[in-house]
C-alpha atoms as a PDB file:
ATOM      1  CA  UNK A   1       6.863  -0.014  12.320  1.00  0.00           C
ATOM      2  CA  UNK A   2       4.228  -0.281   9.586  1.00  0.00           C
ATOM      3  CA  UNK A   3       3.318   2.643   7.513  1.00  0.00           C
ATOM      4  CA  UNK A   4       0.921   3.456   4.681  1.00  0.00           C
ATOM      5  CA  UNK A   5       2.456   4.570   1.374  1.00  0.00           C
ATOM      6  CA  UNK A   6      -0.004   6.380  -0.922  1.00  0.00           C
ATOM      7  CA  UNK A   7       2.099   7.591  -3.799  1.00  0.00           C
ATOM      8  CA  UNK A   8       4.558   5.597  -5.927  1.00  0.00           C
ATOM      9  CA  UNK A   9       5.740   6.763  -9.338  1.00  0.00           C
ATOM     10  CA  UNK A  10       7.777   4.677 -11.861  1.00  0.00           C
ATOM     11  CA  UNK A  11       9.956   6.278 -14.526  1.00  0.00           C
ATOM     12  CA  UNK A  12       8.578   6.446 -18.033  1.00  0.00           C
ATOM     13  CA  UNK A  13       9.856   3.502 -20.039  1.00  0.00           C
ATOM     14  CA  UNK A  14       9.906   1.099 -17.085  1.00  0.00           C
ATOM     15  CA  UNK A  15       7.604  -2.017 -16.667  1.00  0.00           C
ATOM     16  CA  UNK A  16       4.174  -1.398 -15.371  1.00  0.00           C
ATOM     17  CA  UNK A  17       3.528  -2.855 -11.935  1.00  0.00           C
ATOM     18  CA  UNK A  18       2.049  -6.414 -11.756  1.00  0.00           C
ATOM     19  CA  UNK A  19      -0.724  -5.107  -9.642  1.00  0.00           C
ATOM     20  CA  UNK A  20      -2.215  -1.746 -10.425  1.00  0.00           C
ATOM     21  CA  UNK A  21      -3.284  -0.853  -6.888  1.00  0.00           C
ATOM     22  CA  UNK A  22      -0.031  -1.586  -5.086  1.00  0.00           C
ATOM     23  CA  UNK A  23       3.645  -2.320  -5.355  1.00  0.00           C
ATOM     24  CA  UNK A  24       4.788  -5.512  -3.642  1.00  0.00           C
ATOM     25  CA  UNK A  25       8.180  -5.457  -1.864  1.00  0.00           C
ATOM     26  CA  UNK A  26       9.439  -8.261   0.414  1.00  0.00           C
ATOM     27  CA  UNK A  27      12.745  -9.511   1.803  1.00  0.00           C
ATOM     28  CA  UNK A  28      14.025 -12.843   2.981  1.00  0.00           C
ATOM     29  CA  UNK A  29      17.091 -12.436   5.165  1.00  0.00           C
ATOM     30  CA  UNK A  30      19.800 -15.026   5.700  1.00  0.00           C
ATOM     31  CA  UNK A  31      18.239 -17.908   3.753  1.00  0.00           C
ATOM     32  CA  UNK A  32      20.369 -20.903   4.297  1.00  0.00           C
ATOM     33  CA  UNK A  33      22.118 -22.621   1.315  1.00  0.00           C
ATOM     34  CA  UNK A  34      23.949 -25.989   1.343  1.00  0.00           C
ATOM     35  CA  UNK A  35      27.623 -26.532   0.540  1.00  0.00           C
ATOM     36  CA  UNK A  36      28.834 -27.192  -2.947  1.00  0.00           C
ATOM     37  CA  UNK A  37      29.763 -30.690  -3.875  1.00  0.00           C
ATOM     38  CA  UNK A  38      33.260 -29.744  -5.027  1.00  0.00           C
ATOM     39  CA  UNK A  39      35.191 -27.145  -6.961  1.00  0.00           C
ATOM     40  CA  UNK A  40      32.987 -25.127  -9.369  1.00  0.00           C
ATOM     41  CA  UNK A  41      29.799 -27.009  -8.220  1.00  0.00           C
ATOM     42  CA  UNK A  42      26.601 -24.853  -8.107  1.00  0.00           C
ATOM     43  CA  UNK A  43      24.139 -25.062  -5.128  1.00  0.00           C
ATOM     44  CA  UNK A  44      20.397 -24.686  -5.699  1.00  0.00           C
ATOM     45  CA  UNK A  45      18.083 -23.711  -2.950  1.00  0.00           C
ATOM     46  CA  UNK A  46      14.228 -23.815  -3.282  1.00  0.00           C
ATOM     47  CA  UNK A  47      12.247 -20.958  -1.813  1.00  0.00           C
ATOM     48  CA  UNK A  48       8.633 -22.060  -1.313  1.00  0.00           C
ATOM     49  CA  UNK A  49       5.468 -21.265   0.583  1.00  0.00           C
ATOM     50  CA  UNK A  50       5.112 -17.733  -0.899  1.00  0.00           C
ATOM     51  CA  UNK A  51       2.104 -15.955  -2.293  1.00  0.00           C
ATOM     52  CA  UNK A  52       3.442 -13.979  -5.209  1.00  0.00           C
ATOM     53  CA  UNK A  53       1.858 -12.155  -8.176  1.00  0.00           C
ATOM     54  CA  UNK A  54       2.261 -13.741 -11.601  1.00  0.00           C
ATOM     55  CA  UNK A  55       5.160 -11.446 -12.538  1.00  0.00           C
ATOM     56  CA  UNK A  56       7.883 -10.396 -10.086  1.00  0.00           C
ATOM     57  CA  UNK A  57      11.511  -9.585  -9.826  1.00  0.00           C
ATOM     58  CA  UNK A  58      14.018 -11.278  -7.555  1.00  0.00           C
ATOM     59  CA  UNK A  59      17.370  -9.827  -6.540  1.00  0.00           C
ATOM     60  CA  UNK A  60      19.744 -12.046  -4.590  1.00  0.00           C
ATOM     61  CA  UNK A  61      22.803 -10.986  -2.614  1.00  0.00           C
ATOM     62  CA  UNK A  62      25.087 -13.966  -1.732  1.00  0.00           C
ATOM     63  CA  UNK A  63      27.013 -13.711   1.512  1.00  0.00           C
ATOM     64  CA  UNK A  64      29.971 -15.391  -0.048  1.00  0.00           C
ATOM     65  CA  UNK A  65      32.088 -15.178  -3.242  1.00  0.00           C
ATOM     66  CA  UNK A  66      29.275 -16.463  -5.528  1.00  0.00           C
ATOM     67  CA  UNK A  67      27.269 -15.386  -8.605  1.00  0.00           C
ATOM     68  CA  UNK A  68      23.491 -15.803  -8.012  1.00  0.00           C
ATOM     69  CA  UNK A  69      20.668 -16.274 -10.496  1.00  0.00           C
ATOM     70  CA  UNK A  70      17.054 -17.326 -10.424  1.00  0.00           C
ATOM     71  CA  UNK A  71      16.088 -19.578 -13.316  1.00  0.00           C
ATOM     72  CA  UNK A  72      12.971 -18.309 -15.203  1.00  0.00           C
ATOM     73  CA  UNK A  73      11.789 -21.796 -16.169  1.00  0.00           C
ATOM     74  CA  UNK A  74       8.926 -23.721 -14.419  1.00  0.00           C
ATOM     75  CA  UNK A  75      10.563 -23.441 -11.130  1.00  0.00           C
ATOM     76  CA  UNK A  76       9.568 -19.690 -10.895  1.00  0.00           C
ATOM     77  CA  UNK A  77       6.016 -19.695  -9.857  1.00  0.00           C
ATOM     78  CA  UNK A  78       3.597 -17.744  -7.731  1.00  0.00           C
ATOM     79  CA  UNK A  79       4.432 -20.106  -4.815  1.00  0.00           C
ATOM     80  CA  UNK A  80       8.237 -19.593  -5.000  1.00  0.00           C
ATOM     81  CA  UNK A  81      11.384 -19.978  -7.009  1.00  0.00           C
ATOM     82  CA  UNK A  82      14.941 -21.495  -7.008  1.00  0.00           C
ATOM     83  CA  UNK A  83      18.052 -19.608  -6.306  1.00  0.00           C
ATOM     84  CA  UNK A  84      21.232 -20.951  -7.874  1.00  0.00           C
ATOM     85  CA  UNK A  85      24.653 -19.978  -6.494  1.00  0.00           C
ATOM     86  CA  UNK A  86      27.723 -20.555  -8.697  1.00  0.00           C
ATOM     87  CA  UNK A  87      31.292 -20.029  -7.258  1.00  0.00           C
ATOM     88  CA  UNK A  88      32.872 -16.929  -8.895  1.00  0.00           C
ATOM     89  CA  UNK A  89      35.957 -18.941  -9.587  1.00  0.00           C
ATOM     90  CA  UNK A  90      35.762 -22.427 -10.977  1.00  0.00           C
ATOM     91  CA  UNK A  91      38.397 -23.636  -8.564  1.00  0.00           C
ATOM     92  CA  UNK A  92      36.330 -22.467  -5.581  1.00  0.00           C
ATOM     93  CA  UNK A  93      33.920 -24.656  -3.538  1.00  0.00           C
ATOM     94  CA  UNK A  94      30.860 -23.004  -1.960  1.00  0.00           C
ATOM     95  CA  UNK A  95      30.473 -23.138   1.697  1.00  0.00           C
ATOM     96  CA  UNK A  96      27.233 -23.765   3.531  1.00  0.00           C
ATOM     97  CA  UNK A  97      26.027 -20.214   4.280  1.00  0.00           C
ATOM     98  CA  UNK A  98      23.290 -17.689   3.637  1.00  0.00           C
ATOM     99  CA  UNK A  99      21.983 -15.303   1.088  1.00  0.00           C
ATOM    100  CA  UNK A 100      19.517 -12.470   1.135  1.00  0.00           C
ATOM    101  CA  UNK A 101      16.515 -11.926  -1.246  1.00  0.00           C
ATOM    102  CA  UNK A 102      14.627  -8.847  -2.399  1.00  0.00           C
ATOM    103  CA  UNK A 103      11.261  -9.503  -4.179  1.00  0.00           C
ATOM    104  CA  UNK A 104       9.604  -6.726  -6.127  1.00  0.00           C
ATOM    105  CA  UNK A 105       6.394  -6.809  -8.067  1.00  0.00           C
END
C-alpha cells in the first residue's frame, strides 16, 4: 500500500539528506550471489540498473555467515554499486545464496 509521508526529521548532527525535498528509501530483497571459489574467498555481486542520487547509504544483510561491504571506489555510482561478501571465518567457503539491501539517501 502506498502512502504519502509529509514530515521527516533528522537528529541534529547527522548528515543532511541528499535531496532536500525528499528522503529516498529502497530495498532489494534476496539478491543472488555466487559461491566462493574456496576457503576464505570473497564473492562480489554487481547491482546495476538503478537511478540513485549522488550520495547514498547502502546497508547489506547477508543470509549466510559472511561479512558484507560496499566498496566506495569507482564501482559506487548513481547507476549501482558492488556488494562484496567475505566469509566470517577464513576456513569457510561461501555458498551460492542471497543477501538483502537497504538503500537510504
